Amino acid sequence: MRAAGFRFVRQEFPWEDIEISAKGDFWDHKWNVSAWAKYDRIVDMAAERGLQLIVRLDHPPAWSRAVNSPAHSFAPPDRIEDYGDFVAAVVARYRGKVRYYQIWNEPNIYPEWGDQPVDAAAYTRLLQEGYRRAKAADPDCVVLSAGLAPTLEMGPRNLSDLVYLQQMYDAGARGYFDILGVM
């Protein structure tokens, strides 16, 4: 990748794979190892190859939502503060090693918003929490908003990325990301 001129790699750090069983539990009980181990290796391998990671933070664990069906596996958590705690834990752990963090992915389409109608104001609250907590953990980190899926649909399941972005701004997104993510 480096030889081809790539300098960045966008890598998922799924919340459900790091804080698996319960809030504050960063242990993979199935394999009896630290849930961080895999991601520590990814961070180290990227650095060894001269690549910078853009860490995507989404995929909440089942314990974070009252509705735990597979259809809702990408739904935001019931308590935004739980997501903020996760963001803070990741950013603090990789401070000085990872600089870029993306808050969620494609929240303007229903599969990425838990198979429910999209909600730009709710995503903006999640973005604001993620931004505040990331910056508190590492003031030098760079926060990307979720890349919005390109679509012309007008809701309720999918919403035009341009309309959704305007709704984000209307809900107060300005100042809560350093880079606007787009697809």
Protein backbone atom coordinates (compact mmCIF):
# COMPACT_ATOMS: atom_id res chain seq x y z
CA MET A 1 0.00 0.00 0.00
CA ARG A 2 2.79 2.40 0.88
CA ALA A 3 4.58 1.61 -2.41
CA ALA A 4 1.36 2.45 -4.25
CA GLY A 5 1.33 5.88 -2.63
CA PHE A 6 -1.29 5.31 0.03
CA ARG A 7 -0.70 7.18 3.28
CA PHE A 8 -3.97 6.57 5.10
CA VAL A 9 -6.07 3.51 5.88
CA ARG A 10 -9.60 3.75 7.22
CA GLN A 11 -9.99 0.97 9.77
CA GLU A 12 -13.05 -0.02 11.78
CA PHE A 13 -12.62 -0.38 15.52
CA PRO A 14 -16.08 -1.83 16.23
CA TRP A 15 -17.29 -0.93 19.69
CA GLU A 16 -18.97 -4.34 19.94
CA ASP A 17 -15.57 -6.01 19.47
CA ILE A 18 -13.73 -3.95 22.09
CA GLU A 19 -16.20 -3.41 24.95
CA ILE A 20 -17.97 -6.68 24.30
CA SER A 21 -19.82 -7.93 27.36
CA ALA A 22 -20.48 -4.89 29.51
CA LYS A 23 -19.60 -1.26 30.03
CA GLY A 24 -15.96 -0.95 31.02
CA ASP A 25 -15.19 -4.60 30.20
CA PHE A 26 -12.43 -4.66 27.61
CA TRP A 27 -11.80 -8.40 27.85
CA ASP A 28 -12.76 -10.97 25.20
CA HIS A 29 -14.17 -13.69 27.45
CA LYS A 30 -14.66 -16.11 24.56
CA TRP A 31 -10.92 -16.25 23.79
CA ASN A 32 -9.69 -15.12 27.22
CA VAL A 33 -7.59 -12.26 25.84
CA SER A 34 -7.61 -8.51 25.99
CA ALA A 35 -10.12 -7.11 23.51
CA TRP A 36 -7.54 -4.43 22.74
CA ALA A 37 -4.88 -6.92 21.53
CA LYS A 38 -6.08 -7.14 17.94
CA TYR A 39 -6.35 -3.36 17.61
CA ASP A 40 -2.97 -2.80 19.26
CA ARG A 41 -1.47 -5.03 16.52
CA ILE A 42 -3.30 -3.10 13.80
CA VAL A 43 -2.00 0.22 15.15
CA ASP A 44 1.55 -1.15 15.39
CA MET A 45 1.47 -2.70 11.90
CA ALA A 46 0.22 0.53 10.33
CA ALA A 47 2.99 2.51 12.04
CA GLU A 48 5.63 -0.02 10.94
CA ARG A 49 4.49 0.48 7.35
CA GLY A 50 4.36 4.26 7.52
CA LEU A 51 0.58 4.40 7.25
CA GLN A 52 -1.76 6.58 9.27
CA LEU A 53 -5.03 5.13 10.45
CA ILE A 54 -8.42 6.77 10.25
CA VAL A 55 -10.18 4.86 13.02
CA ARG A 56 -13.91 4.44 12.47
CA LEU A 57 -15.86 4.19 15.73
CA ASP A 58 -19.29 2.60 15.44
CA HIS A 59 -21.06 -0.79 15.74
CA PRO A 60 -22.29 -0.56 19.34
CA PRO A 61 -22.43 -3.67 21.51
CA ALA A 62 -25.75 -5.34 22.31
CA TRP A 63 -25.54 -4.28 25.98
CA SER A 64 -25.75 -0.61 24.91
CA ARG A 65 -29.27 -0.94 23.46
CA ALA A 66 -32.57 -2.19 24.86
CA VAL A 67 -33.47 -3.56 21.42
CA ASN A 68 -30.94 -6.30 20.65
CA SER A 69 -32.18 -7.85 17.41
CA PRO A 70 -29.74 -8.36 14.52
CA ALA A 71 -31.69 -5.79 12.49
CA HIS A 72 -30.74 -3.17 15.07
CA SER A 73 -27.08 -4.09 15.37
CA PHE A 74 -25.96 -0.75 13.92
CA ALA A 75 -28.44 1.31 15.94
CA PRO A 76 -26.98 4.04 18.12
CA PRO A 77 -26.74 3.29 21.83
CA ASP A 78 -29.55 4.17 24.19
CA ARG A 79 -27.19 6.40 26.19
CA ILE A 80 -24.96 8.66 24.12
CA GLU A 81 -22.70 8.99 27.16
CA ASP A 82 -21.79 5.30 26.80
CA TYR A 83 -20.57 6.00 23.28
CA GLY A 84 -18.64 8.99 24.58
CA ASP A 85 -16.96 6.79 27.18
CA PHE A 86 -15.95 4.34 24.44
CA VAL A 87 -14.57 7.11 22.22
CA ALA A 88 -12.59 8.50 25.17
CA ALA A 89 -11.17 5.06 25.99
CA VAL A 90 -10.01 4.45 22.40
CA VAL A 91 -8.53 7.89 21.91
CA ALA A 92 -6.75 7.83 25.28
CA ARG A 93 -5.31 4.36 24.56
CA TYR A 94 -3.91 5.38 21.17
CA ARG A 95 -2.93 8.95 21.98
CA GLY A 96 0.28 9.72 20.09
CA LYS A 97 -0.19 6.68 17.83
CA VAL A 98 -3.48 7.44 16.06
CA ARG A 99 -4.50 10.94 15.12
CA TYR A 100 -7.69 10.55 13.05
CA TYR A 101 -11.07 9.32 14.30
CA GLN A 102 -14.31 9.03 12.35
CA ILE A 103 -17.52 9.27 14.38
CA TRP A 104 -19.90 6.64 12.93
CA ASN A 105 -20.52 5.79 9.28
CA GLU A 106 -23.29 6.65 6.81
CA PRO A 107 -25.96 7.60 9.37
CA ASN A 108 -28.14 8.95 6.55
CA ILE A 109 -29.10 5.43 5.40
CA TYR A 110 -31.20 3.07 7.48
CA PRO A 111 -28.91 0.01 7.54
CA GLU A 112 -26.18 2.11 9.21
CA TRP A 113 -28.68 3.67 11.62
CA GLY A 114 -30.07 0.41 12.96
CA ASP A 115 -32.74 -0.27 10.35
CA GLN A 116 -34.78 2.67 11.59
CA PRO A 117 -35.65 6.05 10.09
CA VAL A 118 -32.56 8.24 9.87
CA ASP A 119 -32.31 11.17 12.26
CA ALA A 120 -29.74 13.91 11.59
CA ALA A 121 -30.39 15.60 14.95
CA ALA A 122 -29.75 12.34 16.82
CA TYR A 123 -26.57 11.73 14.84
CA THR A 124 -25.46 15.29 15.58
CA ARG A 125 -25.85 14.67 19.32
CA LEU A 126 -23.71 11.52 18.90
CA LEU A 127 -21.13 13.50 16.90
CA GLN A 128 -21.02 16.25 19.52
CA GLU A 129 -20.47 13.74 22.32
CA GLY A 130 -17.81 11.88 20.36
CA TYR A 131 -16.01 15.11 19.47
CA ARG A 132 -16.01 16.46 23.03
CA ARG A 133 -14.78 13.19 24.50
CA ALA A 134 -12.13 12.63 21.81
CA LYS A 135 -10.72 16.13 22.24
CA ALA A 136 -10.71 15.75 26.04
CA ALA A 137 -8.67 12.55 25.68
CA ASP A 138 -6.31 14.00 23.06
CA PRO A 139 -6.62 17.67 22.11
CA ASP A 140 -4.39 17.05 19.07
CA CYS A 141 -6.59 14.34 17.53
CA VAL A 142 -8.53 15.04 14.34
CA VAL A 143 -12.24 14.19 14.31
CA LEU A 144 -14.02 13.34 11.09
CA SER A 145 -17.78 13.38 10.82
CA ALA A 146 -19.36 10.22 9.47
CA GLY A 147 -19.02 9.81 5.74
CA LEU A 148 -22.52 10.31 4.39
CA ALA A 149 -23.80 7.84 1.83
CA PRO A 150 -24.56 9.46 -1.53
CA THR A 151 -28.28 9.10 -2.21
CA LEU A 152 -31.08 11.14 -3.72
CA GLU A 153 -33.78 9.58 -1.56
CA MET A 154 -35.80 11.87 0.64
CA GLY A 155 -36.56 9.63 3.62
CA PRO A 156 -37.59 8.30 5.95
CA ARG A 157 -35.25 5.29 5.55
CA ASN A 158 -32.59 6.99 3.46
CA LEU A 159 -32.03 10.71 3.15
CA SER A 160 -30.10 12.71 0.57
CA ASP A 161 -26.63 13.40 1.87
CA LEU A 162 -27.02 17.10 1.05
CA VAL A 163 -30.33 17.41 2.90
CA TYR A 164 -28.97 15.37 5.81
CA LEU A 165 -25.87 17.57 6.03
CA GLN A 166 -28.07 20.68 6.16
CA GLN A 167 -30.11 19.05 8.94
CA MET A 168 -26.86 18.31 10.80
CA TYR A 169 -25.90 21.98 10.61
CA ASP A 170 -29.40 23.00 11.68
CA ALA A 171 -28.99 20.70 14.71
CA GLY A 172 -25.67 22.28 15.70
CA ALA A 173 -22.97 20.17 14.01
CA ARG A 174 -20.81 23.20 13.21
CA GLY A 175 -17.69 23.12 15.33
CA TYR A 176 -17.99 19.42 16.21
CA PHE A 177 -15.75 17.96 13.52
CA ASP A 178 -12.39 18.90 12.06
CA ILE A 179 -12.94 17.20 8.70
CA LEU A 180 -16.26 16.58 6.96
CA GLY A 181 -16.48 12.95 5.90
CA VAL A 182 -18.03 12.14 2.53
CA MET A 183 -18.37 9.02 0.41
